[in-house]
């Protein structure tokens, strides 16, 4: 293997380490179907109408998935969210993350 080939493969390997466990194969349309319970707090498209619940529309998919996984593992503490994700599989969480990431976040006027 040439030195040039090795230089090209190193960044790809590093990228694979960071992306390998995230939202591979996530389906935003399935996420939309699964989001009906989420809409009670976060709004149908992830733009919550109340400051008590975060607006999650348009957030990065990997960030949303990591947050959901952290709630499921208990690394992120919120009893409401922990109960919501408790019975969901990783694919469900990936689909939800893909759905909300695909939505447009509201731009707040100042």
C-alpha atoms as a PDB file:
ATOM      1  CA  UNK A   1       0.000   0.000   0.000  1.00  0.00           C
ATOM      2  CA  UNK A   2       1.385   3.360  -0.973  1.00  0.00           C
ATOM      3  CA  UNK A   3       1.939   6.223   1.477  1.00  0.00           C
ATOM      4  CA  UNK A   4      -0.671   8.276  -0.375  1.00  0.00           C
ATOM      5  CA  UNK A   5      -3.272   5.517   0.024  1.00  0.00           C
ATOM      6  CA  UNK A   6      -2.509   5.239   3.737  1.00  0.00           C
ATOM      7  CA  UNK A   7      -2.918   9.025   4.154  1.00  0.00           C
ATOM      8  CA  UNK A   8      -6.357   8.790   2.545  1.00  0.00           C
ATOM      9  CA  UNK A   9      -7.489   5.817   4.622  1.00  0.00           C
ATOM     10  CA  UNK A  10      -6.620   7.259   8.036  1.00  0.00           C
ATOM     11  CA  UNK A  11      -9.242  10.053   7.963  1.00  0.00           C
ATOM     12  CA  UNK A  12     -11.844   7.584   6.688  1.00  0.00           C
ATOM     13  CA  UNK A  13     -11.087   5.173   9.525  1.00  0.00           C
ATOM     14  CA  UNK A  14     -11.372   7.959  12.097  1.00  0.00           C
ATOM     15  CA  UNK A  15     -14.669   9.093  10.577  1.00  0.00           C
ATOM     16  CA  UNK A  16     -15.933   5.531  10.753  1.00  0.00           C
ATOM     17  CA  UNK A  17     -15.163   5.375  14.469  1.00  0.00           C
ATOM     18  CA  UNK A  18     -17.254   8.464  15.122  1.00  0.00           C
ATOM     19  CA  UNK A  19     -20.171   7.636  12.838  1.00  0.00           C
ATOM     20  CA  UNK A  20     -20.335   3.870  13.023  1.00  0.00           C
ATOM     21  CA  UNK A  21     -22.693   3.579  15.988  1.00  0.00           C
ATOM     22  CA  UNK A  22     -25.008   6.444  15.174  1.00  0.00           C
ATOM     23  CA  UNK A  23     -28.121   6.702  13.070  1.00  0.00           C
ATOM     24  CA  UNK A  24     -27.233   4.129  10.437  1.00  0.00           C
ATOM     25  CA  UNK A  25     -30.338   3.208   8.467  1.00  0.00           C
ATOM     26  CA  UNK A  26     -32.590   5.688  10.262  1.00  0.00           C
ATOM     27  CA  UNK A  27     -35.938   6.362   8.582  1.00  0.00           C
ATOM     28  CA  UNK A  28     -37.486   9.798   9.198  1.00  0.00           C
ATOM     29  CA  UNK A  29     -40.917   8.648   7.965  1.00  0.00           C
ATOM     30  CA  UNK A  30     -40.945   5.837  10.509  1.00  0.00           C
ATOM     31  CA  UNK A  31     -39.766   8.382  13.060  1.00  0.00           C
ATOM     32  CA  UNK A  32     -42.766  10.576  12.228  1.00  0.00           C
ATOM     33  CA  UNK A  33     -45.077   7.624  12.871  1.00  0.00           C
ATOM     34  CA  UNK A  34     -43.373   6.957  16.206  1.00  0.00           C
ATOM     35  CA  UNK A  35     -43.413  10.620  17.278  1.00  0.00           C
ATOM     36  CA  UNK A  36     -47.099  10.950  18.202  1.00  0.00           C
ATOM     37  CA  UNK A  37     -46.361  10.567  21.921  1.00  0.00           C
ATOM     38  CA  UNK A  38     -43.455  13.022  21.662  1.00  0.00           C
ATOM     39  CA  UNK A  39     -45.729  15.670  20.128  1.00  0.00           C
ATOM     40  CA  UNK A  40     -47.522  16.208  23.439  1.00  0.00           C
ATOM     41  CA  UNK A  41     -44.466  18.017  24.782  1.00  0.00           C
ATOM     42  CA  UNK A  42     -42.245  18.808  21.794  1.00  0.00           C
ATOM     43  CA  UNK A  43     -44.918  19.642  19.212  1.00  0.00           C
ATOM     44  CA  UNK A  44     -45.795  17.638  16.106  1.00  0.00           C
ATOM     45  CA  UNK A  45     -42.729  18.881  14.249  1.00  0.00           C
ATOM     46  CA  UNK A  46     -40.406  19.333  17.226  1.00  0.00           C
ATOM     47  CA  UNK A  47     -41.150  23.027  17.724  1.00  0.00           C
ATOM     48  CA  UNK A  48     -42.511  23.103  21.261  1.00  0.00           C
ATOM     49  CA  UNK A  49     -44.929  25.927  21.978  1.00  0.00           C
ATOM     50  CA  UNK A  50     -43.911  26.183  25.618  1.00  0.00           C
ATOM     51  CA  UNK A  51     -40.518  26.995  27.174  1.00  0.00           C
ATOM     52  CA  UNK A  52     -40.790  24.017  29.567  1.00  0.00           C
ATOM     53  CA  UNK A  53     -39.957  21.640  26.712  1.00  0.00           C
ATOM     54  CA  UNK A  54     -37.048  22.036  24.311  1.00  0.00           C
ATOM     55  CA  UNK A  55     -37.459  22.682  20.618  1.00  0.00           C
ATOM     56  CA  UNK A  56     -35.756  19.745  18.966  1.00  0.00           C
ATOM     57  CA  UNK A  57     -36.643  20.378  15.312  1.00  0.00           C
ATOM     58  CA  UNK A  58     -33.616  20.877  13.114  1.00  0.00           C
ATOM     59  CA  UNK A  59     -31.100  19.669  15.703  1.00  0.00           C
ATOM     60  CA  UNK A  60     -28.282  17.478  14.436  1.00  0.00           C
ATOM     61  CA  UNK A  61     -29.405  13.880  14.062  1.00  0.00           C
ATOM     62  CA  UNK A  62     -26.384  12.467  15.873  1.00  0.00           C
ATOM     63  CA  UNK A  63     -26.954  14.856  18.795  1.00  0.00           C
ATOM     64  CA  UNK A  64     -30.614  13.838  19.103  1.00  0.00           C
ATOM     65  CA  UNK A  65     -29.775  10.150  18.946  1.00  0.00           C
ATOM     66  CA  UNK A  66     -27.030  10.505  21.544  1.00  0.00           C
ATOM     67  CA  UNK A  67     -29.416  12.376  23.878  1.00  0.00           C
ATOM     68  CA  UNK A  68     -32.087   9.687  23.498  1.00  0.00           C
ATOM     69  CA  UNK A  69     -29.573   6.915  24.124  1.00  0.00           C
ATOM     70  CA  UNK A  70     -28.267   8.766  27.177  1.00  0.00           C
ATOM     71  CA  UNK A  71     -31.814   9.040  28.580  1.00  0.00           C
ATOM     72  CA  UNK A  72     -32.319   5.320  27.968  1.00  0.00           C
ATOM     73  CA  UNK A  73     -29.056   4.398  29.738  1.00  0.00           C
ATOM     74  CA  UNK A  74     -29.695   6.828  32.584  1.00  0.00           C
ATOM     75  CA  UNK A  75     -26.614   8.912  31.756  1.00  0.00           C
ATOM     76  CA  UNK A  76     -28.907  11.884  31.182  1.00  0.00           C
ATOM     77  CA  UNK A  77     -31.377  12.433  34.008  1.00  0.00           C
ATOM     78  CA  UNK A  78     -35.011  13.276  33.305  1.00  0.00           C
ATOM     79  CA  UNK A  79     -37.736  10.991  34.661  1.00  0.00           C
ATOM     80  CA  UNK A  80     -40.218  11.926  31.921  1.00  0.00           C
ATOM     81  CA  UNK A  81     -37.790  11.238  29.080  1.00  0.00           C
ATOM     82  CA  UNK A  82     -36.460   8.092  30.755  1.00  0.00           C
ATOM     83  CA  UNK A  83     -39.985   6.685  30.876  1.00  0.00           C
ATOM     84  CA  UNK A  84     -40.635   7.642  27.245  1.00  0.00           C
ATOM     85  CA  UNK A  85     -37.571   5.857  25.840  1.00  0.00           C
ATOM     86  CA  UNK A  86     -37.530   2.931  28.246  1.00  0.00           C
ATOM     87  CA  UNK A  87     -39.270   0.465  25.886  1.00  0.00           C
ATOM     88  CA  UNK A  88     -37.888   1.800  22.602  1.00  0.00           C
ATOM     89  CA  UNK A  89     -35.234   0.001  20.587  1.00  0.00           C
ATOM     90  CA  UNK A  90     -32.148   1.743  19.214  1.00  0.00           C
ATOM     91  CA  UNK A  91     -33.737   1.724  15.736  1.00  0.00           C
ATOM     92  CA  UNK A  92     -36.806   3.522  17.121  1.00  0.00           C
ATOM     93  CA  UNK A  93     -34.559   6.168  18.658  1.00  0.00           C
ATOM     94  CA  UNK A  94     -32.596   6.534  15.409  1.00  0.00           C
ATOM     95  CA  UNK A  95     -35.828   6.957  13.451  1.00  0.00           C
ATOM     96  CA  UNK A  96     -37.076   9.617  15.885  1.00  0.00           C
ATOM     97  CA  UNK A  97     -33.760  11.457  15.685  1.00  0.00           C
ATOM     98  CA  UNK A  98     -33.924  11.372  11.875  1.00  0.00           C
ATOM     99  CA  UNK A  99     -37.506  12.726  11.890  1.00  0.00           C
ATOM    100  CA  UNK A 100     -36.807  15.658  14.185  1.00  0.00           C
ATOM    101  CA  UNK A 101     -33.498  16.463  12.477  1.00  0.00           C
ATOM    102  CA  UNK A 102     -35.337  16.693   9.151  1.00  0.00           C
ATOM    103  CA  UNK A 103     -37.748  19.317  10.490  1.00  0.00           C
ATOM    104  CA  UNK A 104     -37.185  23.062  10.304  1.00  0.00           C
ATOM    105  CA  UNK A 105     -36.509  24.787  13.587  1.00  0.00           C
ATOM    106  CA  UNK A 106     -38.302  28.035  14.285  1.00  0.00           C
ATOM    107  CA  UNK A 107     -36.258  31.199  14.102  1.00  0.00           C
ATOM    108  CA  UNK A 108     -37.014  33.353  17.092  1.00  0.00           C
ATOM    109  CA  UNK A 109     -37.221  37.097  16.574  1.00  0.00           C
ATOM    110  CA  UNK A 110     -35.419  39.288  19.066  1.00  0.00           C
END
